[in-house]
Amino acid sequence: MSGAHNLNNKFKRIAHVVGPVWNEKESQKCIKSLKRGINMLLINCEIEKYQSVAIPAISSGIFGFPKEKVAHCILRAIDRY
C-alpha cells in the first residue's frame, strides 16, 4: 500500500492489486486468482485496521475480465472473508 498523496483528502492509502488477465479457457484459474488477490487486500485492510475500503472492478479494463464476473468474485471473496 502507498500513500494517496494529493488524490483526495478522504483517501489515506491506495492498495495496488494486480488481477489476472481474463482467459475464457482458464476461467476458473482466473477467478481463483482474482479472489485470492481480493482476499489478500482484505487481510491487509484488517491488519492496518481500516474502517472502510473501496474495491474497484479489478482486471475488468485492459485485462478483459468480464465485469459481472468481477463483481461476483468481489462479493464472494468478501462474503467468505
N, C-alpha and C. Protein backbone atom coordinates (compact mmCIF):
# COMPACT_ATOMS: atom_id res chain seq x y z
N MET A 1 0.85 -1.16 0.00
CA MET A 1 0.00 0.00 0.00
C MET A 1 0.89 1.23 0.00
N SER A 2 0.38 2.28 -0.57
CA SER A 2 1.13 3.53 -0.62
C SER A 2 0.22 4.68 -0.24
N GLY A 3 0.83 5.81 0.05
CA GLY A 3 0.05 6.99 0.40
C GLY A 3 -0.76 7.49 -0.78
N ALA A 4 -1.89 8.13 -0.49
CA ALA A 4 -2.76 8.64 -1.55
C ALA A 4 -2.29 9.99 -2.07
N HIS A 5 -1.35 10.62 -1.38
CA HIS A 5 -0.79 11.92 -1.76
C HIS A 5 -1.90 12.94 -1.99
N ASN A 6 -1.97 13.55 -3.14
CA ASN A 6 -2.96 14.59 -3.40
C ASN A 6 -4.20 14.07 -4.11
N LEU A 7 -4.44 12.77 -4.10
CA LEU A 7 -5.57 12.20 -4.81
C LEU A 7 -6.89 12.77 -4.30
N ASN A 8 -7.05 12.76 -3.00
CA ASN A 8 -8.28 13.27 -2.41
C ASN A 8 -8.06 13.27 -0.90
N ASN A 9 -8.53 14.26 -0.23
CA ASN A 9 -8.35 14.33 1.22
C ASN A 9 -9.02 13.20 1.97
N LYS A 10 -10.02 12.56 1.36
CA LYS A 10 -10.74 11.48 2.02
C LYS A 10 -9.94 10.18 2.06
N PHE A 11 -9.04 10.01 1.10
CA PHE A 11 -8.29 8.77 0.98
C PHE A 11 -6.94 8.89 1.67
N LYS A 12 -6.63 7.87 2.46
CA LYS A 12 -5.35 7.88 3.17
C LYS A 12 -4.33 6.95 2.53
N ARG A 13 -4.82 5.85 1.97
CA ARG A 13 -3.91 4.85 1.39
C ARG A 13 -4.50 4.32 0.09
N ILE A 14 -3.64 3.88 -0.78
CA ILE A 14 -4.03 3.24 -2.03
C ILE A 14 -3.41 1.84 -2.04
N ALA A 15 -4.23 0.83 -2.26
CA ALA A 15 -3.74 -0.54 -2.37
C ALA A 15 -3.59 -0.86 -3.85
N HIS A 16 -2.48 -1.40 -4.22
CA HIS A 16 -2.23 -1.76 -5.61
C HIS A 16 -2.43 -3.26 -5.76
N VAL A 17 -3.54 -3.63 -6.36
CA VAL A 17 -3.87 -5.04 -6.57
C VAL A 17 -3.85 -5.31 -8.06
N VAL A 18 -3.00 -6.23 -8.47
CA VAL A 18 -2.93 -6.61 -9.88
C VAL A 18 -3.71 -7.91 -10.04
N GLY A 19 -4.74 -7.85 -10.84
CA GLY A 19 -5.55 -9.04 -11.08
C GLY A 19 -5.09 -9.77 -12.33
N PRO A 20 -5.69 -10.89 -12.60
CA PRO A 20 -5.30 -11.70 -13.76
C PRO A 20 -5.86 -11.16 -15.07
N VAL A 21 -5.19 -11.52 -16.14
CA VAL A 21 -5.70 -11.26 -17.49
C VAL A 21 -6.74 -12.35 -17.77
N TRP A 22 -7.92 -11.96 -18.21
CA TRP A 22 -9.00 -12.90 -18.45
C TRP A 22 -8.66 -13.84 -19.60
N ASN A 23 -8.90 -15.13 -19.38
CA ASN A 23 -8.72 -16.15 -20.40
C ASN A 23 -9.91 -17.10 -20.26
N GLU A 24 -10.79 -17.09 -21.22
CA GLU A 24 -12.01 -17.91 -21.16
C GLU A 24 -11.69 -19.39 -20.95
N LYS A 25 -10.63 -19.87 -21.58
CA LYS A 25 -10.26 -21.29 -21.47
C LYS A 25 -9.75 -21.64 -20.08
N GLU A 26 -9.26 -20.65 -19.35
CA GLU A 26 -8.76 -20.87 -18.00
C GLU A 26 -9.56 -20.01 -17.01
N SER A 27 -10.86 -19.94 -17.22
CA SER A 27 -11.71 -19.05 -16.43
C SER A 27 -11.67 -19.37 -14.94
N GLN A 28 -11.69 -20.64 -14.57
CA GLN A 28 -11.66 -21.00 -13.15
C GLN A 28 -10.36 -20.58 -12.49
N LYS A 29 -9.26 -20.71 -13.21
CA LYS A 29 -7.96 -20.27 -12.70
C LYS A 29 -7.96 -18.75 -12.51
N CYS A 30 -8.52 -18.02 -13.46
CA CYS A 30 -8.61 -16.56 -13.38
C CYS A 30 -9.46 -16.14 -12.19
N ILE A 31 -10.58 -16.79 -12.01
CA ILE A 31 -11.49 -16.47 -10.92
C ILE A 31 -10.81 -16.73 -9.57
N LYS A 32 -10.14 -17.85 -9.43
CA LYS A 32 -9.44 -18.16 -8.18
C LYS A 32 -8.36 -17.12 -7.90
N SER A 33 -7.64 -16.72 -8.94
CA SER A 33 -6.58 -15.74 -8.79
C SER A 33 -7.13 -14.39 -8.34
N LEU A 34 -8.24 -13.97 -8.94
CA LEU A 34 -8.85 -12.70 -8.56
C LEU A 34 -9.34 -12.75 -7.12
N LYS A 35 -10.01 -13.84 -6.74
CA LYS A 35 -10.49 -13.98 -5.36
C LYS A 35 -9.32 -13.96 -4.37
N ARG A 36 -8.22 -14.59 -4.74
CA ARG A 36 -7.04 -14.61 -3.87
C ARG A 36 -6.50 -13.19 -3.66
N GLY A 37 -6.45 -12.40 -4.75
CA GLY A 37 -5.98 -11.02 -4.65
C GLY A 37 -6.88 -10.18 -3.76
N ILE A 38 -8.18 -10.35 -3.91
CA ILE A 38 -9.14 -9.60 -3.09
C ILE A 38 -9.01 -10.03 -1.63
N ASN A 39 -8.85 -11.32 -1.39
CA ASN A 39 -8.67 -11.81 -0.03
C ASN A 39 -7.42 -11.21 0.61
N MET A 40 -6.34 -11.14 -0.14
CA MET A 40 -5.11 -10.54 0.40
C MET A 40 -5.32 -9.06 0.71
N LEU A 41 -6.07 -8.37 -0.13
CA LEU A 41 -6.40 -6.98 0.13
C LEU A 41 -7.16 -6.85 1.45
N LEU A 42 -8.16 -7.71 1.65
CA LEU A 42 -8.96 -7.66 2.88
C LEU A 42 -8.11 -7.97 4.11
N ILE A 43 -7.21 -8.91 3.98
CA ILE A 43 -6.30 -9.23 5.10
C ILE A 43 -5.46 -8.01 5.44
N ASN A 44 -4.91 -7.36 4.43
CA ASN A 44 -4.09 -6.17 4.68
C ASN A 44 -4.90 -5.04 5.30
N CYS A 45 -6.14 -4.90 4.86
CA CYS A 45 -7.01 -3.87 5.44
C CYS A 45 -7.28 -4.14 6.92
N GLU A 46 -7.46 -5.41 7.25
CA GLU A 46 -7.68 -5.76 8.64
C GLU A 46 -6.42 -5.50 9.48
N ILE A 47 -5.28 -5.88 8.95
CA ILE A 47 -4.01 -5.65 9.65
C ILE A 47 -3.81 -4.16 9.92
N GLU A 48 -4.12 -3.34 8.92
CA GLU A 48 -3.96 -1.89 9.05
C GLU A 48 -5.10 -1.23 9.82
N LYS A 49 -6.12 -2.03 10.18
CA LYS A 49 -7.27 -1.56 10.95
C LYS A 49 -8.07 -0.47 10.22
N TYR A 50 -8.23 -0.65 8.91
CA TYR A 50 -9.04 0.29 8.13
C TYR A 50 -10.51 0.11 8.47
N GLN A 51 -11.23 1.20 8.48
CA GLN A 51 -12.66 1.14 8.77
C GLN A 51 -13.48 0.94 7.52
N SER A 52 -12.94 1.26 6.36
CA SER A 52 -13.66 1.08 5.11
C SER A 52 -12.65 0.86 3.98
N VAL A 53 -13.18 0.29 2.90
CA VAL A 53 -12.35 0.04 1.72
C VAL A 53 -13.25 0.10 0.49
N ALA A 54 -12.73 0.66 -0.57
CA ALA A 54 -13.44 0.66 -1.86
C ALA A 54 -12.66 -0.27 -2.78
N ILE A 55 -13.36 -1.20 -3.39
CA ILE A 55 -12.71 -2.16 -4.29
C ILE A 55 -13.26 -1.92 -5.70
N PRO A 56 -12.41 -1.47 -6.61
CA PRO A 56 -12.88 -1.26 -7.98
C PRO A 56 -13.00 -2.59 -8.72
N ALA A 57 -13.46 -2.54 -9.93
CA ALA A 57 -13.61 -3.75 -10.75
C ALA A 57 -12.23 -4.16 -11.29
N ILE A 58 -11.47 -4.78 -10.42
CA ILE A 58 -10.10 -5.20 -10.72
C ILE A 58 -10.09 -6.10 -11.95
N SER A 59 -9.17 -5.85 -12.86
CA SER A 59 -8.94 -6.64 -14.09
C SER A 59 -10.00 -6.47 -15.16
N SER A 60 -11.00 -5.63 -14.93
CA SER A 60 -12.08 -5.52 -15.92
C SER A 60 -11.78 -4.54 -17.06
N GLY A 61 -10.69 -3.82 -16.96
CA GLY A 61 -10.32 -2.87 -18.01
C GLY A 61 -9.54 -3.57 -19.11
N ILE A 62 -8.28 -3.21 -19.23
CA ILE A 62 -7.45 -3.76 -20.31
C ILE A 62 -7.19 -5.26 -20.14
N PHE A 63 -7.40 -5.79 -18.94
CA PHE A 63 -7.19 -7.22 -18.73
C PHE A 63 -8.40 -8.05 -19.17
N GLY A 64 -9.50 -7.40 -19.51
CA GLY A 64 -10.63 -8.06 -20.15
C GLY A 64 -11.50 -8.97 -19.28
N PHE A 65 -11.34 -8.92 -17.98
CA PHE A 65 -12.17 -9.76 -17.09
C PHE A 65 -13.60 -9.23 -17.16
N PRO A 66 -14.58 -10.07 -17.46
CA PRO A 66 -15.97 -9.60 -17.55
C PRO A 66 -16.43 -8.96 -16.24
N LYS A 67 -17.02 -7.78 -16.36
CA LYS A 67 -17.41 -7.01 -15.17
C LYS A 67 -18.35 -7.78 -14.25
N GLU A 68 -19.30 -8.52 -14.82
CA GLU A 68 -20.23 -9.25 -13.95
C GLU A 68 -19.50 -10.35 -13.18
N LYS A 69 -18.47 -10.94 -13.76
CA LYS A 69 -17.70 -11.96 -13.06
C LYS A 69 -16.83 -11.32 -11.97
N VAL A 70 -16.29 -10.12 -12.27
CA VAL A 70 -15.50 -9.40 -11.26
C VAL A 70 -16.39 -9.08 -10.06
N ALA A 71 -17.57 -8.54 -10.32
CA ALA A 71 -18.49 -8.19 -9.23
C ALA A 71 -18.82 -9.42 -8.39
N HIS A 72 -19.08 -10.53 -9.05
CA HIS A 72 -19.38 -11.77 -8.34
C HIS A 72 -18.19 -12.21 -7.49
N CYS A 73 -16.99 -12.14 -8.05
CA CYS A 73 -15.78 -12.54 -7.31
C CYS A 73 -15.58 -11.66 -6.08
N ILE A 74 -15.78 -10.34 -6.25
CA ILE A 74 -15.60 -9.43 -5.12
C ILE A 74 -16.60 -9.76 -4.02
N LEU A 75 -17.86 -9.93 -4.38
CA LEU A 75 -18.87 -10.24 -3.37
C LEU A 75 -18.62 -11.57 -2.68
N ARG A 76 -18.24 -12.58 -3.45
CA ARG A 76 -17.96 -13.92 -2.87
C ARG A 76 -16.75 -13.85 -1.94
N ALA A 77 -15.71 -13.14 -2.37
CA ALA A 77 -14.49 -13.03 -1.55
C ALA A 77 -14.80 -12.31 -0.23
N ILE A 78 -15.58 -11.24 -0.30
CA ILE A 78 -15.95 -10.51 0.91
C ILE A 78 -16.80 -11.40 1.81
N ASP A 79 -17.77 -12.10 1.22
CA ASP A 79 -18.65 -12.97 1.99
C ASP A 79 -17.85 -14.07 2.69
N ARG A 80 -16.92 -14.66 2.00
CA ARG A 80 -16.11 -15.73 2.61
C ARG A 80 -15.13 -15.21 3.63
N TYR A 81 -14.67 -13.98 3.44
CA TYR A 81 -13.73 -13.41 4.38
C TYR A 81 -14.40 -13.18 5.72
